């Protein structure tokens, strides 16, 4: 009888682990990969944004299509994460729907302004990066603050001995 309960418990743990992996971890990982793709698009299409007269028409069209596509995929990835809005309200470091809306609309605006001199490209990029990178910036600041406290504690401890 003990073997039966061991097998049932093992199968239950496996099923729960797979469900958590499939429905929570993988969509969140894909979302973070998309944020990386957006940063990659900024670098890839920077010449089309910076000097429109020197870029050929193909990269401009490609930049326009890719940036607009990334705006749609951003919403797709957010909707794929279960209970995203609830989690974003509870966990302050996760971008809210409003942040995603700002980033997505600025991606569309950036795609529309590619190849047009005098447009506010740097403003769009800042408005895209700010909400999407809040997770990384906030956690890195917290980590740095915690490391700083620990180092200060170790220095005080060494001085005391």
N, C-alpha and C. Protein backbone atom coordinates (compact mmCIF):
# COMPACT_ATOMS: atom_id res chain seq x y z
N UNK A 1 0.81 -1.19 0.00
CA UNK A 1 0.00 0.00 0.00
C UNK A 1 0.86 1.27 0.00
N UNK A 2 2.02 1.21 0.67
CA UNK A 2 2.92 2.36 0.68
C UNK A 2 3.45 2.67 -0.71
N UNK A 3 3.69 1.63 -1.49
CA UNK A 3 4.19 1.84 -2.85
C UNK A 3 3.14 2.55 -3.69
N UNK A 4 1.88 2.18 -3.52
CA UNK A 4 0.80 2.82 -4.25
C UNK A 4 0.75 4.31 -3.96
N UNK A 5 0.78 4.71 -2.70
CA UNK A 5 0.71 6.11 -2.33
C UNK A 5 1.96 6.88 -2.77
N UNK A 6 3.09 6.20 -2.77
CA UNK A 6 4.32 6.83 -3.26
C UNK A 6 4.19 7.15 -4.75
N UNK A 7 3.66 6.19 -5.51
CA UNK A 7 3.49 6.39 -6.96
C UNK A 7 2.45 7.49 -7.22
N UNK A 8 1.33 7.46 -6.49
CA UNK A 8 0.28 8.47 -6.69
C UNK A 8 0.82 9.86 -6.35
N UNK A 9 1.55 9.98 -5.25
CA UNK A 9 2.13 11.27 -4.86
C UNK A 9 3.15 11.73 -5.89
N UNK A 10 3.97 10.83 -6.38
CA UNK A 10 4.96 11.19 -7.40
C UNK A 10 4.31 11.67 -8.68
N UNK A 11 3.25 11.00 -9.11
CA UNK A 11 2.54 11.41 -10.32
C UNK A 11 1.87 12.76 -10.11
N UNK A 12 1.27 12.98 -8.93
CA UNK A 12 0.62 14.26 -8.64
C UNK A 12 1.63 15.40 -8.64
N UNK A 13 2.78 15.19 -8.04
CA UNK A 13 3.83 16.23 -8.02
C UNK A 13 4.30 16.51 -9.44
N UNK A 14 4.46 15.47 -10.24
CA UNK A 14 4.89 15.64 -11.63
C UNK A 14 3.87 16.45 -12.42
N UNK A 15 2.58 16.12 -12.27
CA UNK A 15 1.53 16.81 -13.01
C UNK A 15 1.45 18.28 -12.59
N UNK A 16 1.51 18.55 -11.30
CA UNK A 16 1.47 19.94 -10.82
C UNK A 16 2.70 20.70 -11.32
N UNK A 17 3.86 20.06 -11.27
CA UNK A 17 5.08 20.71 -11.76
C UNK A 17 5.00 21.03 -13.25
N UNK A 18 4.45 20.11 -14.03
CA UNK A 18 4.31 20.35 -15.46
C UNK A 18 3.30 21.47 -15.73
N UNK A 19 2.22 21.51 -14.96
CA UNK A 19 1.22 22.57 -15.14
C UNK A 19 1.81 23.93 -14.81
N UNK A 20 2.55 24.02 -13.72
CA UNK A 20 3.20 25.29 -13.36
C UNK A 20 4.19 25.70 -14.44
N UNK A 21 4.96 24.74 -14.92
CA UNK A 21 5.94 25.04 -15.96
C UNK A 21 5.26 25.50 -17.24
N UNK A 22 4.23 24.80 -17.66
CA UNK A 22 3.58 25.09 -18.93
C UNK A 22 2.77 26.39 -18.89
N UNK A 23 2.06 26.65 -17.80
CA UNK A 23 1.13 27.77 -17.78
C UNK A 23 1.66 29.02 -17.10
N UNK A 24 2.75 28.93 -16.36
CA UNK A 24 3.27 30.11 -15.67
C UNK A 24 4.69 30.43 -16.10
N UNK A 25 5.58 29.47 -15.97
CA UNK A 25 7.00 29.74 -16.22
C UNK A 25 7.28 29.98 -17.70
N UNK A 26 6.77 29.13 -18.58
CA UNK A 26 7.04 29.28 -20.01
C UNK A 26 6.46 30.58 -20.59
N UNK A 27 5.20 30.94 -20.29
CA UNK A 27 4.72 32.24 -20.83
C UNK A 27 5.52 33.43 -20.30
N UNK A 28 5.91 33.38 -19.03
CA UNK A 28 6.70 34.49 -18.48
C UNK A 28 8.07 34.54 -19.16
N UNK A 29 8.67 33.38 -19.41
CA UNK A 29 9.96 33.34 -20.09
C UNK A 29 9.83 33.88 -21.52
N UNK A 30 8.76 33.52 -22.21
CA UNK A 30 8.55 34.03 -23.56
C UNK A 30 8.34 35.55 -23.57
N UNK A 31 7.66 36.06 -22.54
CA UNK A 31 7.49 37.51 -22.42
C UNK A 31 8.85 38.19 -22.25
N UNK A 32 9.69 37.66 -21.39
CA UNK A 32 11.02 38.25 -21.18
C UNK A 32 11.87 38.15 -22.45
N UNK A 33 11.72 37.06 -23.20
CA UNK A 33 12.43 36.93 -24.48
C UNK A 33 11.94 38.00 -25.46
N UNK A 34 10.65 38.31 -25.43
CA UNK A 34 10.10 39.34 -26.31
C UNK A 34 10.67 40.71 -25.96
N UNK A 35 10.82 41.00 -24.68
CA UNK A 35 11.44 42.27 -24.28
C UNK A 35 12.85 42.34 -24.86
N UNK A 36 13.56 41.22 -24.85
CA UNK A 36 14.88 41.17 -25.48
C UNK A 36 14.82 41.38 -26.98
N UNK A 37 13.79 40.84 -27.64
CA UNK A 37 13.62 41.05 -29.08
C UNK A 37 13.36 42.52 -29.40
N UNK A 38 12.61 43.19 -28.52
CA UNK A 38 12.34 44.62 -28.73
C UNK A 38 13.63 45.41 -28.62
N UNK A 39 14.45 45.08 -27.61
CA UNK A 39 15.75 45.75 -27.47
C UNK A 39 16.63 45.45 -28.68
N UNK A 40 16.57 44.24 -29.19
CA UNK A 40 17.33 43.86 -30.38
C UNK A 40 16.87 44.67 -31.59
N UNK A 41 15.56 44.88 -31.71
CA UNK A 41 15.03 45.65 -32.84
C UNK A 41 15.50 47.10 -32.78
N UNK A 42 15.61 47.66 -31.57
CA UNK A 42 16.13 49.02 -31.45
C UNK A 42 17.53 49.11 -32.03
N UNK A 43 18.36 48.14 -31.71
CA UNK A 43 19.74 48.16 -32.19
C UNK A 43 19.80 47.86 -33.69
N UNK A 44 19.02 46.87 -34.13
CA UNK A 44 19.04 46.45 -35.53
C UNK A 44 18.59 47.57 -36.47
N UNK A 45 17.56 48.29 -36.07
CA UNK A 45 17.00 49.32 -36.94
C UNK A 45 17.46 50.72 -36.56
N UNK A 46 18.52 50.83 -35.79
CA UNK A 46 18.98 52.14 -35.36
C UNK A 46 19.46 53.00 -36.53
N UNK A 47 20.04 52.38 -37.55
CA UNK A 47 20.49 53.18 -38.70
C UNK A 47 19.30 53.72 -39.47
N UNK A 48 18.23 52.95 -39.56
CA UNK A 48 17.03 53.43 -40.26
C UNK A 48 16.40 54.58 -39.48
N UNK A 49 16.51 54.54 -38.16
CA UNK A 49 15.93 55.60 -37.34
C UNK A 49 16.81 56.84 -37.33
N UNK A 50 18.13 56.63 -37.29
CA UNK A 50 19.04 57.76 -37.10
C UNK A 50 19.19 58.60 -38.36
N UNK A 51 19.49 57.95 -39.47
CA UNK A 51 19.75 58.68 -40.72
C UNK A 51 18.85 58.08 -41.81
N UNK A 52 17.62 58.51 -41.92
CA UNK A 52 16.70 57.91 -42.87
C UNK A 52 17.14 58.03 -44.32
N UNK A 53 17.85 59.08 -44.70
CA UNK A 53 18.24 59.26 -46.09
C UNK A 53 19.28 58.25 -46.54
N UNK A 54 20.08 57.72 -45.61
CA UNK A 54 21.13 56.77 -45.98
C UNK A 54 20.63 55.34 -46.02
N UNK A 55 19.51 55.06 -45.39
CA UNK A 55 18.99 53.70 -45.37
C UNK A 55 18.21 53.42 -46.65
N UNK A 56 18.32 52.19 -47.13
CA UNK A 56 17.56 51.83 -48.33
C UNK A 56 16.10 51.59 -47.95
N UNK A 57 15.18 51.63 -48.91
CA UNK A 57 13.76 51.48 -48.58
C UNK A 57 13.41 50.13 -47.93
N UNK A 58 14.14 49.09 -48.27
CA UNK A 58 13.83 47.78 -47.71
C UNK A 58 13.99 47.75 -46.19
N UNK A 59 15.11 48.23 -45.62
CA UNK A 59 15.18 48.23 -44.16
C UNK A 59 14.12 49.10 -43.50
N UNK A 60 13.72 50.20 -44.14
CA UNK A 60 12.66 51.03 -43.56
C UNK A 60 11.34 50.28 -43.50
N UNK A 61 11.01 49.58 -44.59
CA UNK A 61 9.78 48.78 -44.60
C UNK A 61 9.87 47.63 -43.60
N UNK A 62 11.05 47.04 -43.55
CA UNK A 62 11.25 45.94 -42.61
C UNK A 62 11.16 46.43 -41.17
N UNK A 63 11.75 47.58 -40.89
CA UNK A 63 11.68 48.15 -39.54
C UNK A 63 10.24 48.49 -39.18
N UNK A 64 9.52 49.09 -40.12
CA UNK A 64 8.12 49.43 -39.88
C UNK A 64 7.31 48.18 -39.53
N UNK A 65 7.45 47.14 -40.33
CA UNK A 65 6.69 45.91 -40.11
C UNK A 65 7.09 45.19 -38.83
N UNK A 66 8.37 45.12 -38.56
CA UNK A 66 8.85 44.41 -37.37
C UNK A 66 8.43 45.11 -36.09
N UNK A 67 8.55 46.42 -36.03
CA UNK A 67 8.17 47.15 -34.82
C UNK A 67 6.66 47.05 -34.57
N UNK A 68 5.87 47.12 -35.62
CA UNK A 68 4.43 46.98 -35.48
C UNK A 68 4.08 45.55 -35.05
N UNK A 69 4.77 44.59 -35.59
CA UNK A 69 4.56 43.19 -35.21
C UNK A 69 4.92 42.96 -33.74
N UNK A 70 6.01 43.56 -33.29
CA UNK A 70 6.40 43.42 -31.90
C UNK A 70 5.37 44.01 -30.95
N UNK A 71 4.69 45.07 -31.37
CA UNK A 71 3.63 45.66 -30.54
C UNK A 71 2.49 44.67 -30.36
N UNK A 72 2.12 43.97 -31.40
CA UNK A 72 1.07 42.96 -31.29
C UNK A 72 1.50 41.74 -30.51
N UNK A 73 2.72 41.31 -30.73
CA UNK A 73 3.23 40.14 -30.02
C UNK A 73 3.36 40.44 -28.52
N UNK A 74 3.66 41.68 -28.18
CA UNK A 74 3.74 42.05 -26.77
C UNK A 74 2.41 41.78 -26.07
N UNK A 75 1.31 42.21 -26.67
CA UNK A 75 0.00 41.93 -26.08
C UNK A 75 -0.29 40.44 -26.07
N UNK A 76 0.12 39.74 -27.13
CA UNK A 76 -0.09 38.29 -27.20
C UNK A 76 0.60 37.59 -26.03
N UNK A 77 1.82 37.98 -25.74
CA UNK A 77 2.57 37.35 -24.66
C UNK A 77 1.97 37.69 -23.30
N UNK A 78 1.51 38.91 -23.13
CA UNK A 78 0.91 39.30 -21.85
C UNK A 78 -0.39 38.54 -21.62
N UNK A 79 -1.19 38.39 -22.67
CA UNK A 79 -2.44 37.65 -22.52
C UNK A 79 -2.19 36.15 -22.30
N UNK A 80 -1.04 35.65 -22.69
CA UNK A 80 -0.73 34.23 -22.50
C UNK A 80 -0.39 33.90 -21.05
N UNK A 81 -0.04 34.91 -20.25
CA UNK A 81 0.31 34.67 -18.84
C UNK A 81 -0.98 34.68 -18.04
N UNK A 82 -1.30 33.55 -17.38
CA UNK A 82 -2.56 33.50 -16.62
C UNK A 82 -2.56 34.48 -15.45
N UNK A 83 -3.69 35.13 -15.24
CA UNK A 83 -3.90 36.06 -14.13
C UNK A 83 -2.86 37.18 -14.11
N UNK A 84 -2.45 37.63 -15.29
CA UNK A 84 -1.40 38.63 -15.37
C UNK A 84 -1.78 39.91 -14.64
N UNK A 85 -3.01 40.37 -14.84
CA UNK A 85 -3.42 41.64 -14.25
C UNK A 85 -3.42 41.55 -12.72
N UNK A 86 -3.87 40.43 -12.20
CA UNK A 86 -3.88 40.24 -10.74
C UNK A 86 -2.46 40.20 -10.19
N UNK A 87 -1.59 39.46 -10.86
CA UNK A 87 -0.20 39.34 -10.42
C UNK A 87 0.50 40.70 -10.52
N UNK A 88 0.20 41.46 -11.57
CA UNK A 88 0.83 42.77 -11.74
C UNK A 88 0.39 43.74 -10.65
N UNK A 89 -0.84 43.61 -10.17
CA UNK A 89 -1.29 44.47 -9.08
C UNK A 89 -0.62 44.12 -7.76
N UNK A 90 -0.41 42.82 -7.54
CA UNK A 90 0.19 42.36 -6.28
C UNK A 90 1.70 42.57 -6.29
N UNK A 91 2.34 42.20 -7.38
CA UNK A 91 3.81 42.31 -7.51
C UNK A 91 4.12 43.64 -8.19
N UNK A 92 4.58 44.60 -7.44
CA UNK A 92 4.79 45.96 -7.95
C UNK A 92 5.88 46.06 -9.00
N UNK A 93 6.73 45.07 -9.12
CA UNK A 93 7.82 45.16 -10.08
C UNK A 93 7.42 44.66 -11.47
N UNK A 94 6.24 44.08 -11.61
CA UNK A 94 5.77 43.59 -12.90
C UNK A 94 4.99 44.71 -13.59
N UNK A 95 5.27 44.98 -14.88
CA UNK A 95 4.55 46.04 -15.59
C UNK A 95 3.04 45.76 -15.64
N UNK A 96 2.23 46.78 -15.41
CA UNK A 96 0.78 46.65 -15.43
C UNK A 96 0.28 46.71 -16.87
N UNK A 97 -1.03 46.49 -17.03
CA UNK A 97 -1.62 46.62 -18.35
C UNK A 97 -1.43 48.03 -18.91
N UNK A 98 -1.50 49.03 -18.04
CA UNK A 98 -1.27 50.40 -18.50
C UNK A 98 0.14 50.59 -19.03
N UNK A 99 1.13 49.98 -18.34
CA UNK A 99 2.52 50.04 -18.83
C UNK A 99 2.67 49.35 -20.17
N UNK A 100 2.00 48.20 -20.32
CA UNK A 100 2.06 47.46 -21.58
C UNK A 100 1.38 48.28 -22.68
N UNK A 101 0.28 48.95 -22.36
CA UNK A 101 -0.39 49.80 -23.34
C UNK A 101 0.51 50.94 -23.80
N UNK A 102 1.22 51.56 -22.85
CA UNK A 102 2.14 52.65 -23.19
C UNK A 102 3.25 52.13 -24.11
N UNK A 103 3.84 50.99 -23.73
CA UNK A 103 4.94 50.43 -24.53
C UNK A 103 4.44 50.03 -25.92
N UNK A 104 3.29 49.40 -26.00
CA UNK A 104 2.76 48.95 -27.28
C UNK A 104 2.40 50.13 -28.18
N UNK A 105 1.73 51.14 -27.63
CA UNK A 105 1.37 52.29 -28.47
C UNK A 105 2.61 53.06 -28.92
N UNK A 106 3.64 53.09 -28.08
CA UNK A 106 4.88 53.76 -28.50
C UNK A 106 5.64 52.94 -29.53
N UNK A 107 5.51 51.61 -29.49
CA UNK A 107 6.09 50.78 -30.56
C UNK A 107 5.40 51.07 -31.89
N UNK A 108 4.09 51.21 -31.87
CA UNK A 108 3.36 51.54 -33.10
C UNK A 108 3.74 52.94 -33.59
N UNK A 109 3.83 53.89 -32.66
CA UNK A 109 4.23 55.25 -33.04
C UNK A 109 5.65 55.27 -33.60
N UNK A 110 6.54 54.48 -33.00
CA UNK A 110 7.91 54.38 -33.50
C UNK A 110 7.92 53.78 -34.89
N UNK A 111 7.10 52.76 -35.12
CA UNK A 111 7.06 52.16 -36.46
C UNK A 111 6.53 53.15 -37.49
N UNK A 112 5.60 54.00 -37.09
CA UNK A 112 5.07 55.00 -38.01
C UNK A 112 6.08 56.11 -38.29
N UNK A 113 6.98 56.36 -37.35
CA UNK A 113 7.93 57.47 -37.52
C UNK A 113 9.25 57.04 -38.15
N UNK A 114 9.42 55.75 -38.40
CA UNK A 114 10.67 55.29 -39.03
C UNK A 114 10.78 55.90 -40.42
N UNK A 115 11.90 56.55 -40.67
CA UNK A 115 12.15 57.15 -41.96
C UNK A 115 11.64 58.58 -42.10
N UNK A 116 11.07 59.13 -41.04
CA UNK A 116 10.59 60.51 -41.07
C UNK A 116 11.49 61.37 -40.20
N UNK A 117 12.28 62.22 -40.81
CA UNK A 117 13.18 63.06 -40.01
C UNK A 117 12.39 64.01 -39.12
N UNK A 118 12.97 64.29 -37.97
CA UNK A 118 12.36 65.23 -37.05
C UNK A 118 11.33 64.63 -36.12
N UNK A 119 11.09 63.33 -36.21
CA UNK A 119 10.11 62.72 -35.31
C UNK A 119 10.78 62.42 -33.96
N UNK A 120 9.98 62.22 -32.95
CA UNK A 120 10.45 62.04 -31.57
C UNK A 120 10.83 60.58 -31.31
N UNK A 121 11.80 60.07 -32.04
CA UNK A 121 12.17 58.66 -31.94
C UNK A 121 12.75 58.34 -30.58
N UNK A 122 13.63 59.19 -30.06
CA UNK A 122 14.23 58.90 -28.76
C UNK A 122 13.18 58.91 -27.65
N UNK A 123 12.18 59.77 -27.75
CA UNK A 123 11.09 59.79 -26.77
C UNK A 123 10.29 58.52 -26.80
N UNK A 124 10.02 58.00 -28.02
CA UNK A 124 9.30 56.74 -28.12
C UNK A 124 10.10 55.60 -27.49
N UNK A 125 11.39 55.57 -27.77
CA UNK A 125 12.23 54.49 -27.23
C UNK A 125 12.26 54.54 -25.71
N UNK A 126 12.39 55.73 -25.15
CA UNK A 126 12.38 55.85 -23.68
C UNK A 126 11.04 55.39 -23.12
N UNK A 127 9.93 55.75 -23.78
CA UNK A 127 8.61 55.36 -23.31
C UNK A 127 8.34 53.87 -23.49
N UNK A 128 9.09 53.21 -24.34
CA UNK A 128 8.97 51.76 -24.49
C UNK A 128 9.82 51.06 -23.45
N UNK A 129 11.04 51.51 -23.30
CA UNK A 129 11.97 50.84 -22.37
C UNK A 129 11.57 50.99 -20.91
N UNK A 130 11.08 52.15 -20.55
CA UNK A 130 10.77 52.42 -19.13
C UNK A 130 9.82 51.37 -18.54
N UNK A 131 8.63 51.14 -19.13
CA UNK A 131 7.75 50.15 -18.49
C UNK A 131 8.23 48.72 -18.62
N UNK A 132 8.89 48.39 -19.72
CA UNK A 132 9.29 46.99 -19.93
C UNK A 132 10.51 46.61 -19.12
N UNK A 133 11.39 47.56 -18.86
CA UNK A 133 12.60 47.24 -18.12
C UNK A 133 12.47 47.54 -16.64
N UNK A 134 11.29 47.92 -16.19
CA UNK A 134 11.12 48.23 -14.77
C UNK A 134 11.45 47.03 -13.91
N UNK A 135 11.13 45.83 -14.39
CA UNK A 135 11.45 44.63 -13.63
C UNK A 135 12.94 44.51 -13.39
N UNK A 136 13.72 44.66 -14.42
CA UNK A 136 15.17 44.50 -14.31
C UNK A 136 15.78 45.63 -13.48
N UNK A 137 15.36 46.86 -13.75
CA UNK A 137 15.94 47.99 -13.03
C UNK A 137 15.63 47.95 -11.54
N UNK A 138 14.39 47.67 -11.19
CA UNK A 138 14.00 47.66 -9.78
C UNK A 138 14.69 46.52 -9.05
N UNK A 139 14.71 45.33 -9.64
CA UNK A 139 15.34 44.20 -8.96
C UNK A 139 16.84 44.40 -8.84
N UNK A 140 17.47 45.00 -9.85
CA UNK A 140 18.92 45.22 -9.76
C UNK A 140 19.24 46.26 -8.70
N UNK A 141 18.38 47.30 -8.58
CA UNK A 141 18.60 48.29 -7.52
C UNK A 141 18.42 47.66 -6.15
N UNK A 142 17.39 46.82 -6.00
CA UNK A 142 17.17 46.14 -4.72
C UNK A 142 18.35 45.23 -4.40
N UNK A 143 18.81 44.50 -5.41
CA UNK A 143 19.94 43.59 -5.20
C UNK A 143 21.19 44.38 -4.80
N UNK A 144 21.43 45.50 -5.48
CA UNK A 144 22.59 46.32 -5.14
C UNK A 144 22.47 46.88 -3.73
N UNK A 145 21.25 47.29 -3.35
CA UNK A 145 21.05 47.81 -2.00
C UNK A 145 21.28 46.72 -0.96
N UNK A 146 20.78 45.52 -1.24
CA UNK A 146 20.99 44.42 -0.30
C UNK A 146 22.46 44.05 -0.20
N UNK A 147 23.15 44.01 -1.33
CA UNK A 147 24.58 43.70 -1.31
C UNK A 147 25.35 44.78 -0.56
N UNK A 148 24.96 46.04 -0.76
CA UNK A 148 25.63 47.13 -0.05
C UNK A 148 25.44 47.02 1.45
N UNK A 149 24.24 46.65 1.89
CA UNK A 149 24.00 46.48 3.33
C UNK A 149 24.83 45.32 3.87
N UNK A 150 24.91 44.25 3.11
CA UNK A 150 25.66 43.08 3.58
C UNK A 150 27.14 43.41 3.69
N UNK A 151 27.67 44.13 2.70
CA UNK A 151 29.08 44.50 2.75
C UNK A 151 29.34 45.43 3.92
N UNK A 152 28.44 46.40 4.14
CA UNK A 152 28.60 47.30 5.28
C UNK A 152 28.55 46.53 6.59
N UNK A 153 27.68 45.54 6.68
CA UNK A 153 27.58 44.73 7.88
C UNK A 153 28.87 43.95 8.11
N UNK A 154 29.44 43.40 7.02
CA UNK A 154 30.69 42.64 7.15
C UNK A 154 31.84 43.54 7.56
N UNK A 155 31.87 44.78 7.04
CA UNK A 155 32.94 45.71 7.40
C UNK A 155 32.83 46.07 8.88
N UNK A 156 31.61 46.35 9.35
CA UNK A 156 31.42 46.66 10.78
C UNK A 156 31.81 45.47 11.65
N UNK A 157 31.50 44.30 11.20
CA UNK A 157 31.81 43.09 11.97
C UNK A 157 33.32 42.89 12.07
N UNK A 158 34.03 43.14 10.97
CA UNK A 158 35.49 42.97 10.98
C UNK A 158 36.15 44.02 11.88
N UNK A 159 35.62 45.25 11.86
CA UNK A 159 36.18 46.30 12.72
C UNK A 159 35.96 45.99 14.19
N UNK A 160 34.85 45.33 14.50
CA UNK A 160 34.54 45.01 15.90
C UNK A 160 35.46 43.92 16.45
N UNK A 161 35.94 43.03 15.58
CA UNK A 161 36.80 41.93 16.07
C UNK A 161 38.25 42.28 16.08
